[in-house]
Amino acid sequence: MIVKVGKNGAIPLPDNKECNLNIGDILLCKLTEDKRSIELEKFSDQSLTDEQIKVHGYLARVEPLNPDDYN
């Protein structure tokens, strides 16, 4: 799937049950070998604080979509 990155680096996620992601989930962001794509997967420790996520450097929290980020 190809998605457009919005303002502030927002990435829209698919609106379906198959991705098994929920608001508040923590994702690990990995650059693919060819450095042309980013893979997102649910991180093993879902109990981290926002500060711990920031320190890790490769994590992001799923947040509600703000439509203004795509206008």
N, C-alpha and C. Protein backbone atom coordinates (compact mmCIF):
# COMPACT_ATOMS: atom_id res chain seq x y z
N MET A 1 0.83 -1.16 0.00
CA MET A 1 0.00 0.00 0.00
C MET A 1 0.89 1.24 0.00
N ILE A 2 0.50 2.24 -0.73
CA ILE A 2 1.21 3.50 -0.78
C ILE A 2 0.30 4.57 -0.19
N VAL A 3 0.84 5.34 0.75
CA VAL A 3 0.07 6.42 1.36
C VAL A 3 0.84 7.72 1.25
N LYS A 4 0.11 8.82 1.30
CA LYS A 4 0.72 10.14 1.23
C LYS A 4 0.97 10.66 2.65
N VAL A 5 2.19 11.09 2.91
CA VAL A 5 2.52 11.67 4.21
C VAL A 5 1.99 13.09 4.24
N GLY A 6 1.23 13.40 5.28
CA GLY A 6 0.64 14.72 5.40
C GLY A 6 1.54 15.70 6.12
N LYS A 7 0.97 16.87 6.42
CA LYS A 7 1.70 17.88 7.18
C LYS A 7 2.14 17.29 8.52
N ASN A 8 3.23 17.76 9.04
CA ASN A 8 3.75 17.31 10.34
C ASN A 8 4.10 15.82 10.34
N GLY A 9 4.30 15.22 9.17
CA GLY A 9 4.71 13.82 9.08
C GLY A 9 3.61 12.82 9.37
N ALA A 10 2.35 13.25 9.35
CA ALA A 10 1.24 12.34 9.62
C ALA A 10 1.11 11.32 8.50
N ILE A 11 0.90 10.05 8.87
CA ILE A 11 0.74 8.96 7.90
C ILE A 11 -0.64 8.34 8.12
N PRO A 12 -1.54 8.41 7.14
CA PRO A 12 -2.86 7.80 7.31
C PRO A 12 -2.75 6.28 7.29
N LEU A 13 -3.45 5.63 8.20
CA LEU A 13 -3.46 4.17 8.25
C LEU A 13 -4.77 3.67 7.66
N PRO A 14 -4.77 2.45 7.12
CA PRO A 14 -6.00 1.92 6.52
C PRO A 14 -7.11 1.80 7.55
N ASP A 15 -8.33 2.04 7.11
CA ASP A 15 -9.49 1.97 7.99
C ASP A 15 -10.14 0.60 7.86
N ASN A 16 -9.42 -0.42 8.32
CA ASN A 16 -9.99 -1.77 8.28
C ASN A 16 -9.48 -2.59 9.45
N LYS A 17 -10.16 -3.65 9.73
CA LYS A 17 -9.83 -4.50 10.88
C LYS A 17 -8.57 -5.34 10.63
N GLU A 18 -8.19 -5.54 9.38
CA GLU A 18 -7.05 -6.40 9.06
C GLU A 18 -5.73 -5.88 9.59
N CYS A 19 -5.57 -4.57 9.69
CA CYS A 19 -4.30 -4.03 10.15
C CYS A 19 -4.15 -4.19 11.67
N ASN A 20 -5.24 -4.43 12.39
CA ASN A 20 -5.21 -4.70 13.82
C ASN A 20 -4.53 -3.59 14.62
N LEU A 21 -4.72 -2.33 14.21
CA LEU A 21 -4.15 -1.20 14.93
C LEU A 21 -5.27 -0.37 15.55
N ASN A 22 -4.98 0.19 16.72
CA ASN A 22 -5.95 1.01 17.42
C ASN A 22 -5.30 2.33 17.83
N ILE A 23 -6.13 3.34 18.07
CA ILE A 23 -5.64 4.61 18.57
C ILE A 23 -4.89 4.34 19.87
N GLY A 24 -3.69 4.89 19.99
CA GLY A 24 -2.88 4.71 21.19
C GLY A 24 -1.81 3.63 21.07
N ASP A 25 -1.93 2.75 20.06
CA ASP A 25 -0.91 1.71 19.87
C ASP A 25 0.45 2.33 19.56
N ILE A 26 1.50 1.63 19.95
CA ILE A 26 2.87 2.08 19.68
C ILE A 26 3.41 1.25 18.52
N LEU A 27 3.95 1.94 17.50
CA LEU A 27 4.47 1.27 16.31
C LEU A 27 5.98 1.44 16.22
N LEU A 28 6.65 0.39 15.73
CA LEU A 28 8.07 0.45 15.41
C LEU A 28 8.17 0.79 13.93
N CYS A 29 8.95 1.81 13.60
CA CYS A 29 9.13 2.26 12.22
C CYS A 29 10.49 1.80 11.73
N LYS A 30 10.49 0.98 10.67
CA LYS A 30 11.75 0.45 10.14
C LYS A 30 11.89 0.83 8.67
N LEU A 31 13.07 1.34 8.33
CA LEU A 31 13.39 1.67 6.94
C LEU A 31 13.75 0.39 6.22
N THR A 32 13.20 0.16 5.03
CA THR A 32 13.51 -1.05 4.28
C THR A 32 14.94 -0.98 3.74
N GLU A 33 15.46 -2.13 3.32
CA GLU A 33 16.84 -2.21 2.84
C GLU A 33 17.13 -1.22 1.71
N ASP A 34 16.19 -1.08 0.78
CA ASP A 34 16.42 -0.17 -0.35
C ASP A 34 16.18 1.30 0.03
N LYS A 35 15.77 1.53 1.27
CA LYS A 35 15.55 2.87 1.82
C LYS A 35 14.50 3.67 1.06
N ARG A 36 13.55 2.95 0.46
CA ARG A 36 12.49 3.61 -0.29
C ARG A 36 11.15 3.53 0.41
N SER A 37 11.08 2.73 1.48
CA SER A 37 9.82 2.53 2.17
C SER A 37 10.05 2.43 3.68
N ILE A 38 9.00 2.66 4.42
CA ILE A 38 9.02 2.50 5.87
C ILE A 38 8.01 1.41 6.22
N GLU A 39 8.46 0.43 7.00
CA GLU A 39 7.57 -0.62 7.49
C GLU A 39 7.14 -0.26 8.90
N LEU A 40 5.85 -0.43 9.18
CA LEU A 40 5.31 -0.16 10.51
C LEU A 40 4.80 -1.46 11.10
N GLU A 41 5.21 -1.75 12.33
CA GLU A 41 4.69 -2.94 13.00
C GLU A 41 4.44 -2.60 14.46
N LYS A 42 3.46 -3.29 15.05
CA LYS A 42 3.12 -3.04 16.44
C LYS A 42 4.32 -3.39 17.31
N PHE A 43 4.73 -2.47 18.19
CA PHE A 43 5.89 -2.67 19.07
C PHE A 43 5.51 -3.62 20.20
N SER A 44 6.48 -4.41 20.64
CA SER A 44 6.23 -5.44 21.65
C SER A 44 5.79 -4.87 23.01
N ASP A 45 6.32 -3.71 23.41
CA ASP A 45 5.98 -3.11 24.70
C ASP A 45 5.02 -1.94 24.47
N GLN A 46 3.75 -2.17 24.73
CA GLN A 46 2.72 -1.15 24.52
C GLN A 46 2.51 -0.26 25.74
N SER A 47 3.38 -0.37 26.76
CA SER A 47 3.19 0.38 28.00
C SER A 47 4.11 1.60 28.11
N LEU A 48 4.85 1.94 27.07
CA LEU A 48 5.79 3.05 27.14
C LEU A 48 5.09 4.40 27.23
N THR A 49 5.75 5.34 27.91
CA THR A 49 5.24 6.71 27.98
C THR A 49 5.65 7.46 26.72
N ASP A 50 5.07 8.62 26.50
CA ASP A 50 5.44 9.43 25.34
C ASP A 50 6.92 9.80 25.38
N GLU A 51 7.46 10.06 26.57
CA GLU A 51 8.89 10.40 26.69
C GLU A 51 9.76 9.20 26.31
N GLN A 52 9.39 8.00 26.73
CA GLN A 52 10.16 6.80 26.37
C GLN A 52 10.10 6.55 24.87
N ILE A 53 8.96 6.81 24.26
CA ILE A 53 8.82 6.67 22.81
C ILE A 53 9.77 7.63 22.11
N LYS A 54 9.81 8.86 22.57
CA LYS A 54 10.68 9.88 21.97
C LYS A 54 12.15 9.49 22.10
N VAL A 55 12.57 9.01 23.26
CA VAL A 55 13.96 8.63 23.50
C VAL A 55 14.36 7.46 22.60
N HIS A 56 13.46 6.51 22.38
CA HIS A 56 13.77 5.33 21.55
C HIS A 56 14.20 5.75 20.15
N GLY A 57 13.47 6.70 19.56
CA GLY A 57 13.84 7.24 18.26
C GLY A 57 13.19 6.59 17.05
N TYR A 58 12.71 5.35 17.17
CA TYR A 58 12.10 4.67 16.02
C TYR A 58 10.67 4.23 16.31
N LEU A 59 10.05 4.87 17.28
CA LEU A 59 8.69 4.51 17.67
C LEU A 59 7.74 5.67 17.41
N ALA A 60 6.47 5.33 17.21
CA ALA A 60 5.43 6.34 17.04
C ALA A 60 4.14 5.81 17.65
N ARG A 61 3.31 6.72 18.14
CA ARG A 61 2.01 6.32 18.69
C ARG A 61 0.93 6.63 17.66
N VAL A 62 -0.03 5.72 17.51
CA VAL A 62 -1.16 5.94 16.61
C VAL A 62 -2.07 6.98 17.25
N GLU A 63 -2.36 8.05 16.51
CA GLU A 63 -3.21 9.13 17.00
C GLU A 63 -4.37 9.34 16.02
N PRO A 64 -5.46 9.93 16.51
CA PRO A 64 -6.59 10.19 15.61
C PRO A 64 -6.16 11.09 14.46
N LEU A 65 -6.72 10.85 13.30
CA LEU A 65 -6.42 11.64 12.10
C LEU A 65 -7.05 13.02 12.21
N ASN A 66 -6.26 14.03 11.89
CA ASN A 66 -6.76 15.40 11.81
C ASN A 66 -6.89 15.74 10.33
N PRO A 67 -8.10 15.84 9.80
CA PRO A 67 -8.29 16.10 8.37
C PRO A 67 -7.55 17.35 7.87
N ASP A 68 -7.31 18.33 8.75
CA ASP A 68 -6.60 19.54 8.34
C ASP A 68 -5.16 19.25 7.93
N ASP A 69 -4.61 18.13 8.37
CA ASP A 69 -3.24 17.77 8.00
C ASP A 69 -3.13 17.34 6.53
N TYR A 70 -4.27 17.16 5.86
CA TYR A 70 -4.25 16.68 4.48
C TYR A 70 -4.90 17.65 3.51
N ASN A 71 -5.16 18.86 3.93
CA ASN A 71 -5.75 19.88 3.04
C ASN A 71 -4.70 20.82 2.53
